Amino acid sequence: MLFMLTSFKKQITASMIVATFAFSGSAIAAELEKIHFIIPGGAGGGWDMTARGTGDVLLKSDIIEQASYQNLSGGGGGKAIAHLIETAERQPDTLMVNSTPIVIRSLSGIFPQSFRDLTPVAATIADYGAIVVNKDSKYTSWEQVVADFEKDPRSVKIAGGSARGSMDHLVVAAAFKGEGFDARKVRYIAYDAGGKAMAALLSGETPLLSTGLGEVLEMSKSGQVRILAITAPKRLESAPEIPTLTEYGNETVFANWRGFFAAPGTPQAKIDEYREAFDKMYETDQWAVVRDRNGWIDNYKADKDFYAFLENQELLMGNLMRELGFLK
């Protein structure tokens, strides 16, 4: 069982059962000819990394013959969703990557659509949240951030690659709530996609960044940034040097799922082809490399199970957002 978000000394769980697969490096004959990936954010963000990492493995494993990518940012992801719906008849080979924000932003009214207006194909991975600083930052521990926040919440600015009230904001707000503070006092600075938020951190425009671990793990290993804490229940084998919030007595635990959606009206036969392609992808050594490099967790749920998970997620996240003051 993988916990979605825990805060205020109680745990909110969702049925994210992590699938276990045997890995092999054998080539697999291509069956799907091509996949066009729509990415609702800019280059360098979690959606971008997930789509391109997935497409690269599918290509190198001969599971598909062609992969193409389209970054279509805007409207908190709403522009890409609207485009996929409006052009559904012309998108027979298209998958749009998305994640927890499709639920959060729909609940928040940032865009009018929800996952019900698309065809859920599969959840593929989960990514823990990370609280990050520049390599030269005065902060060397989460405790120091907490101390500054206690003195003056306005002095602690946190960047994120999503809109106010959405996932990056929600995670860091829950982290401060887990320390006993008023989550509504968190000074969150929203940027359009993770790349711009990272640029703000590196330039010193903002001292902290709330993002997915997969977006910063390699930069941390190369010394470009420092990760103060992650929202995993315990330290990860792929990042044993990075502490968790739970080590500081903060019970906030969060894992952001990522997965893929097809256009509305996509036939079940096509969904079955995508599912078979993902099944094969998980069996490859190439996937194991990409997954571990980014600190991701296998979190596979195919179409109907994925849809049921999304319904449950909508209920849980709605309750949490009301508890944190993001929804009335």
Protein backbone atom coordinates (compact mmCIF):
# COMPACT_ATOMS: atom_id res chain seq x y z
CA MET A 1 0.00 0.00 0.00
CA LEU A 2 1.41 3.39 -0.99
CA PHE A 3 0.22 6.37 1.02
CA MET A 4 -0.93 9.42 -0.90
CA LEU A 5 -0.86 12.20 1.68
CA THR A 6 -0.57 12.25 5.44
CA SER A 7 -0.84 15.32 7.63
CA PHE A 8 -1.84 16.51 11.08
CA LYS A 9 -0.92 13.15 12.67
CA LYS A 10 -3.40 11.12 10.65
CA GLN A 11 -2.98 9.30 7.37
CA ILE A 12 -5.05 9.65 4.25
CA THR A 13 -4.48 6.61 2.09
CA ALA A 14 -5.47 5.62 -1.39
CA SER A 15 -5.35 2.23 -3.02
CA MET A 16 -2.05 2.68 -4.82
CA ILE A 17 -0.85 -0.90 -4.96
CA VAL A 18 2.62 -0.96 -6.37
CA ALA A 19 2.97 -3.63 -9.01
CA THR A 20 6.06 -5.84 -9.03
CA PHE A 21 7.53 -6.92 -12.32
CA ALA A 22 10.40 -9.08 -13.52
CA PHE A 23 12.92 -7.19 -15.60
CA SER A 24 14.65 -8.40 -18.74
CA GLY A 25 16.51 -6.68 -21.51
CA SER A 26 15.20 -8.63 -24.48
CA ALA A 27 13.89 -6.73 -27.47
CA ILE A 28 10.17 -6.99 -28.14
CA ALA A 29 8.64 -6.87 -31.59
CA ALA A 30 6.83 -3.59 -32.24
CA GLU A 31 3.04 -3.80 -32.37
CA LEU A 32 1.94 -0.21 -31.87
CA GLU A 33 3.22 1.82 -34.76
CA LYS A 34 3.46 5.17 -32.99
CA ILE A 35 2.46 7.29 -30.01
CA HIS A 36 2.18 11.06 -29.99
CA PHE A 37 2.63 12.41 -26.45
CA ILE A 38 0.92 15.64 -25.42
CA ILE A 39 2.64 17.29 -22.45
CA PRO A 40 0.53 19.91 -20.62
CA GLY A 41 3.59 21.82 -19.32
CA GLY A 42 6.93 23.15 -20.46
CA ALA A 43 10.27 21.42 -20.91
CA GLY A 44 12.03 20.16 -17.81
CA GLY A 45 8.95 19.52 -15.68
CA GLY A 46 7.70 16.24 -14.28
CA TRP A 47 5.17 15.70 -17.06
CA ASP A 48 7.85 16.32 -19.67
CA MET A 49 10.29 13.92 -18.04
CA THR A 50 7.62 11.23 -17.64
CA ALA A 51 6.40 11.41 -21.24
CA ARG A 52 9.86 11.55 -22.80
CA GLY A 53 11.29 8.89 -20.48
CA THR A 54 8.38 6.58 -21.26
CA GLY A 55 8.55 7.21 -25.00
CA ASP A 56 12.30 6.65 -25.06
CA VAL A 57 11.99 3.26 -23.36
CA LEU A 58 9.13 2.21 -25.63
CA LEU A 59 11.24 3.08 -28.67
CA LYS A 60 14.49 1.52 -27.49
CA SER A 61 12.65 -1.67 -26.52
CA ASP A 62 11.03 -1.92 -29.98
CA ILE A 63 7.58 -1.78 -28.42
CA ILE A 64 6.64 1.13 -30.69
CA GLU A 65 8.17 2.33 -33.94
CA GLN A 66 7.74 6.11 -33.58
CA ALA A 67 7.32 8.60 -30.76
CA SER A 68 6.65 12.33 -31.00
CA TYR A 69 6.14 14.98 -28.34
CA GLN A 70 4.16 18.21 -28.08
CA ASN A 71 4.56 20.60 -25.15
CA LEU A 72 1.27 22.45 -24.81
CA SER A 73 1.38 24.48 -21.60
CA GLY A 74 -1.19 26.95 -20.38
CA GLY A 75 -4.22 27.18 -18.14
CA GLY A 76 -2.73 24.94 -15.48
CA GLY A 77 -2.88 22.05 -17.94
CA GLY A 78 -6.34 23.03 -19.17
CA LYS A 79 -5.12 24.07 -22.61
CA ALA A 80 -3.81 20.58 -23.38
CA ILE A 81 -6.94 18.91 -22.01
CA ALA A 82 -9.22 21.16 -24.10
CA HIS A 83 -7.08 20.54 -27.19
CA LEU A 84 -7.28 16.76 -26.79
CA ILE A 85 -11.05 16.90 -26.36
CA GLU A 86 -11.67 19.33 -29.23
CA THR A 87 -9.46 17.40 -31.67
CA ALA A 88 -10.41 13.91 -30.46
CA GLU A 89 -11.27 12.61 -33.92
CA ARG A 90 -7.76 13.50 -35.15
CA GLN A 91 -5.94 11.94 -32.18
CA PRO A 92 -6.13 8.15 -32.66
CA ASP A 93 -2.51 7.61 -31.58
CA THR A 94 -2.21 10.28 -28.89
CA LEU A 95 -1.60 9.98 -25.17
CA MET A 96 -1.60 12.94 -22.79
CA VAL A 97 0.50 12.64 -19.65
CA ASN A 98 -1.02 13.98 -16.46
CA SER A 99 -0.97 13.46 -12.71
CA THR A 100 -2.62 14.49 -9.45
CA PRO A 101 -3.16 18.09 -10.70
CA ILE A 102 -5.88 16.95 -13.12
CA VAL A 103 -7.94 16.14 -10.03
CA ILE A 104 -6.85 19.13 -7.94
CA ARG A 105 -7.32 21.72 -10.68
CA SER A 106 -10.69 20.35 -11.66
CA LEU A 107 -11.84 20.59 -8.04
CA SER A 108 -10.43 24.13 -7.83
CA GLY A 109 -12.25 25.24 -10.99
CA ILE A 110 -9.01 26.17 -12.76
CA PHE A 111 -10.44 24.38 -15.79
CA PRO A 112 -13.98 23.06 -16.30
CA GLN A 113 -13.03 19.56 -17.46
CA SER A 114 -12.19 16.52 -15.37
CA PHE A 115 -10.71 13.08 -15.98
CA ARG A 116 -14.24 11.96 -16.92
CA ASP A 117 -14.00 14.00 -20.12
CA LEU A 118 -11.01 11.93 -21.28
CA THR A 119 -10.23 8.22 -21.54
CA PRO A 120 -8.01 7.09 -18.64
CA VAL A 121 -5.45 4.61 -20.00
CA ALA A 122 -3.05 3.84 -17.16
CA ALA A 123 -1.30 5.20 -14.10
CA THR A 124 2.37 4.28 -14.52
CA ILE A 125 4.56 5.81 -11.81
CA ALA A 126 4.48 7.70 -8.52
CA ASP A 127 6.87 10.49 -7.55
CA TYR A 128 7.48 11.82 -4.03
CA GLY A 129 7.53 15.53 -3.30
CA ALA A 130 10.83 17.30 -2.56
CA ILE A 131 11.70 20.55 -0.77
CA VAL A 132 14.78 21.95 -2.46
CA VAL A 133 17.30 24.78 -2.04
CA ASN A 134 20.16 26.18 -4.08
CA LYS A 135 23.56 24.62 -3.42
CA ASP A 136 24.69 27.90 -1.80
CA SER A 137 21.57 28.35 0.33
CA LYS A 138 21.82 29.26 4.00
CA TYR A 139 19.43 26.39 4.65
CA THR A 140 21.06 23.03 5.29
CA SER A 141 18.11 21.35 7.04
CA TRP A 142 14.32 21.44 7.09
CA GLU A 143 14.49 22.47 10.76
CA GLN A 144 16.12 25.78 9.78
CA VAL A 145 13.28 26.52 7.37
CA VAL A 146 10.74 25.74 10.09
CA ALA A 147 12.55 28.10 12.49
CA ASP A 148 12.45 30.98 9.98
CA PHE A 149 8.79 30.31 9.21
CA GLU A 150 7.98 30.43 12.90
CA LYS A 151 9.64 33.85 13.20
CA ASP A 152 8.09 35.33 10.04
CA PRO A 153 6.09 33.22 7.53
CA ARG A 154 6.34 35.99 4.92
CA SER A 155 10.13 35.69 4.86
CA VAL A 156 9.98 32.11 3.55
CA LYS A 157 9.17 32.11 -0.16
CA ILE A 158 8.64 28.76 -1.90
CA ALA A 159 8.54 28.39 -5.68
CA GLY A 160 6.52 25.77 -7.49
CA GLY A 161 5.84 24.81 -11.08
CA SER A 162 2.07 24.91 -10.74
CA ALA A 163 -0.65 27.42 -9.86
CA ARG A 164 -1.61 28.51 -6.36
CA GLY A 165 -3.80 25.92 -4.69
CA SER A 166 -2.48 23.14 -6.91
CA MET A 167 -0.14 20.27 -6.19
CA ASP A 168 3.25 21.87 -5.46
CA HIS A 169 1.47 24.40 -3.26
CA LEU A 170 -0.68 21.75 -1.60
CA VAL A 171 2.31 19.58 -0.70
CA VAL A 172 4.38 22.33 0.90
CA ALA A 173 1.31 23.72 2.67
CA ALA A 174 0.67 20.27 4.13
CA ALA A 175 4.33 20.09 5.20
CA PHE A 176 4.04 23.33 7.19
CA LYS A 177 0.64 22.27 8.53
CA GLY A 178 2.38 19.12 9.73
CA GLU A 179 4.64 21.37 11.81
CA GLY A 180 1.62 22.95 13.48
CA PHE A 181 1.48 26.14 11.37
CA ASP A 182 -1.42 27.73 9.50
CA ALA A 183 -1.08 26.40 5.94
CA ARG A 184 -2.74 29.52 4.56
CA LYS A 185 0.28 31.61 5.63
CA VAL A 186 2.66 29.78 3.27
CA ARG A 187 4.12 32.25 0.76
CA TYR A 188 3.94 30.23 -2.44
CA ILE A 189 5.25 31.69 -5.73
CA ALA A 190 3.66 30.02 -8.77
CA TYR A 191 5.56 29.46 -12.03
CA ASP A 192 4.40 27.89 -15.29
CA ALA A 193 6.09 24.47 -15.21
CA GLY A 194 8.98 23.09 -13.23
CA GLY A 195 11.72 24.45 -15.48
CA LYS A 196 10.81 28.07 -14.73
CA ALA A 197 10.46 27.35 -11.02
CA MET A 198 13.91 25.76 -11.01
CA ALA A 199 15.35 28.78 -12.81
CA ALA A 200 13.92 31.00 -10.07
CA LEU A 201 15.59 28.84 -7.42
CA LEU A 202 18.98 28.78 -9.18
CA SER A 203 18.93 32.54 -9.77
CA GLY A 204 18.14 33.26 -6.12
CA GLU A 205 14.74 34.74 -6.97
CA THR A 206 13.17 32.29 -4.51
CA PRO A 207 15.07 30.50 -1.71
CA LEU A 208 13.06 27.25 -1.76
CA LEU A 209 11.36 25.03 -4.31
CA SER A 210 8.51 22.53 -3.93
CA THR A 211 8.64 19.94 -6.71
CA GLY A 212 8.75 16.25 -7.54
CA LEU A 213 11.81 14.24 -6.54
CA GLY A 214 12.23 13.00 -10.10
CA GLU A 215 12.75 16.56 -11.33
CA VAL A 216 15.69 17.25 -9.01
CA LEU A 217 17.31 13.96 -8.06
CA GLU A 218 20.01 14.07 -10.76
CA MET A 219 20.69 17.75 -10.05
CA SER A 220 21.10 16.89 -6.38
CA LYS A 221 23.55 14.10 -7.16
CA SER A 222 25.61 16.48 -9.31
CA GLY A 223 25.69 19.11 -6.56
CA GLN A 224 23.60 21.77 -8.31
CA VAL A 225 20.91 21.79 -5.61
CA ARG A 226 20.31 20.38 -2.12
CA ILE A 227 17.18 18.45 -1.19
CA LEU A 228 16.25 19.22 2.41
CA ALA A 229 13.50 16.62 2.70
CA ILE A 230 11.19 14.39 0.70
CA THR A 231 7.63 13.28 1.37
CA ALA A 232 8.37 9.55 1.44
CA PRO A 233 7.53 7.45 4.51
CA LYS A 234 11.19 6.35 4.73
CA ARG A 235 14.46 6.94 2.89
CA LEU A 236 14.66 5.58 -0.64
CA GLU A 237 17.21 3.07 -1.90
CA SER A 238 17.78 5.32 -4.93
CA ALA A 239 18.43 8.34 -2.67
CA PRO A 240 19.59 7.07 0.74
CA GLU A 241 21.28 10.35 1.69
CA ILE A 242 18.07 12.43 1.48
CA PRO A 243 16.04 12.72 4.71
CA THR A 244 12.26 12.47 4.91
CA LEU A 245 9.88 14.81 6.68
CA THR A 246 8.90 11.91 8.91
CA GLU A 247 12.42 11.93 10.34
CA TYR A 248 11.67 15.40 11.71
CA GLY A 249 8.48 14.19 13.35
CA ASN A 250 6.35 15.60 10.52
CA GLU A 251 3.83 13.02 9.33
CA THR A 252 3.26 14.48 5.86
CA VAL A 253 3.67 11.71 3.27
CA PHE A 254 2.79 12.32 -0.38
CA ALA A 255 3.21 10.43 -3.64
CA ASN A 256 2.11 12.08 -6.89
CA TRP A 257 0.88 9.54 -9.43
CA ARG A 258 1.55 10.12 -13.11
CA GLY A 259 -0.15 8.39 -15.99
CA PHE A 260 -1.68 8.70 -19.42
CA PHE A 261 -5.03 9.62 -20.95
CA ALA A 262 -6.36 9.14 -24.48
CA ALA A 263 -8.93 11.24 -26.30
CA PRO A 264 -12.60 10.81 -25.42
CA GLY A 265 -14.24 8.05 -27.43
CA THR A 266 -11.06 6.01 -27.82
CA PRO A 267 -12.16 2.38 -28.39
CA GLN A 268 -11.39 -0.30 -25.82
CA ALA A 269 -9.32 -2.22 -28.37
CA LYS A 270 -6.91 0.70 -28.58
CA ILE A 271 -6.77 0.99 -24.79
CA ASP A 272 -5.89 -2.71 -24.65
CA GLU A 273 -2.99 -2.09 -27.07
CA TYR A 274 -1.64 0.67 -24.85
CA ARG A 275 -1.98 -1.55 -21.78
CA GLU A 276 -0.05 -4.34 -23.48
CA ALA A 277 2.68 -1.86 -24.46
CA PHE A 278 3.05 -0.64 -20.87
CA ASP A 279 3.07 -4.23 -19.58
CA LYS A 280 6.02 -4.95 -21.85
CA MET A 281 7.77 -1.71 -20.96
CA TYR A 282 7.87 -2.66 -17.28
CA GLU A 283 9.70 -5.89 -18.17
CA THR A 284 12.68 -4.09 -19.70
CA ASP A 285 16.04 -3.19 -18.19
CA GLN A 286 15.73 0.21 -19.90
CA TRP A 287 12.67 1.04 -17.81
CA ALA A 288 14.41 0.04 -14.58
CA VAL A 289 17.23 2.48 -15.41
CA VAL A 290 14.86 5.41 -16.15
CA ARG A 291 12.71 4.71 -13.10
CA ASP A 292 15.60 4.47 -10.65
CA ARG A 293 17.42 7.46 -12.12
CA ASN A 294 14.39 9.62 -11.36
CA GLY A 295 13.52 8.09 -8.01
CA TRP A 296 10.12 6.97 -9.32
CA ILE A 297 8.03 4.09 -8.00
CA ASP A 298 6.20 1.64 -10.25
CA ASN A 299 2.50 2.37 -9.76
CA TYR A 300 0.64 0.55 -12.51
CA LYS A 301 -3.13 0.71 -12.81
CA ALA A 302 -4.78 -0.03 -16.13
CA ASP A 303 -7.92 1.64 -17.50
CA LYS A 304 -10.82 0.49 -15.28
CA ASP A 305 -8.69 0.25 -12.12
CA PHE A 306 -7.23 3.64 -12.99
CA TYR A 307 -10.70 5.17 -13.36
CA ALA A 308 -11.81 3.79 -9.97
CA PHE A 309 -8.60 5.13 -8.41
CA LEU A 310 -9.28 8.59 -9.87
CA GLU A 311 -12.77 8.64 -8.38
CA ASN A 312 -11.33 7.79 -4.97
CA GLN A 313 -8.56 10.34 -5.40
CA GLU A 314 -11.11 13.04 -6.18
CA LEU A 315 -12.89 12.34 -2.89
CA LEU A 316 -9.72 12.22 -0.79
CA MET A 317 -8.08 15.26 -2.34
CA GLY A 318 -11.28 17.27 -2.07
CA ASN A 319 -11.49 16.53 1.65
CA LEU A 320 -7.83 17.41 2.12
CA MET A 321 -8.10 20.68 0.18
CA ARG A 322 -11.02 21.74 2.35
CA GLU A 323 -9.05 20.84 5.46
CA LEU A 324 -6.12 22.99 4.29
CA GLY A 325 -8.39 25.89 3.36
CA PHE A 326 -8.04 25.62 -0.45
CA LEU A 327 -11.71 24.74 -0.96
CA LYS A 328 -14.78 25.92 0.91
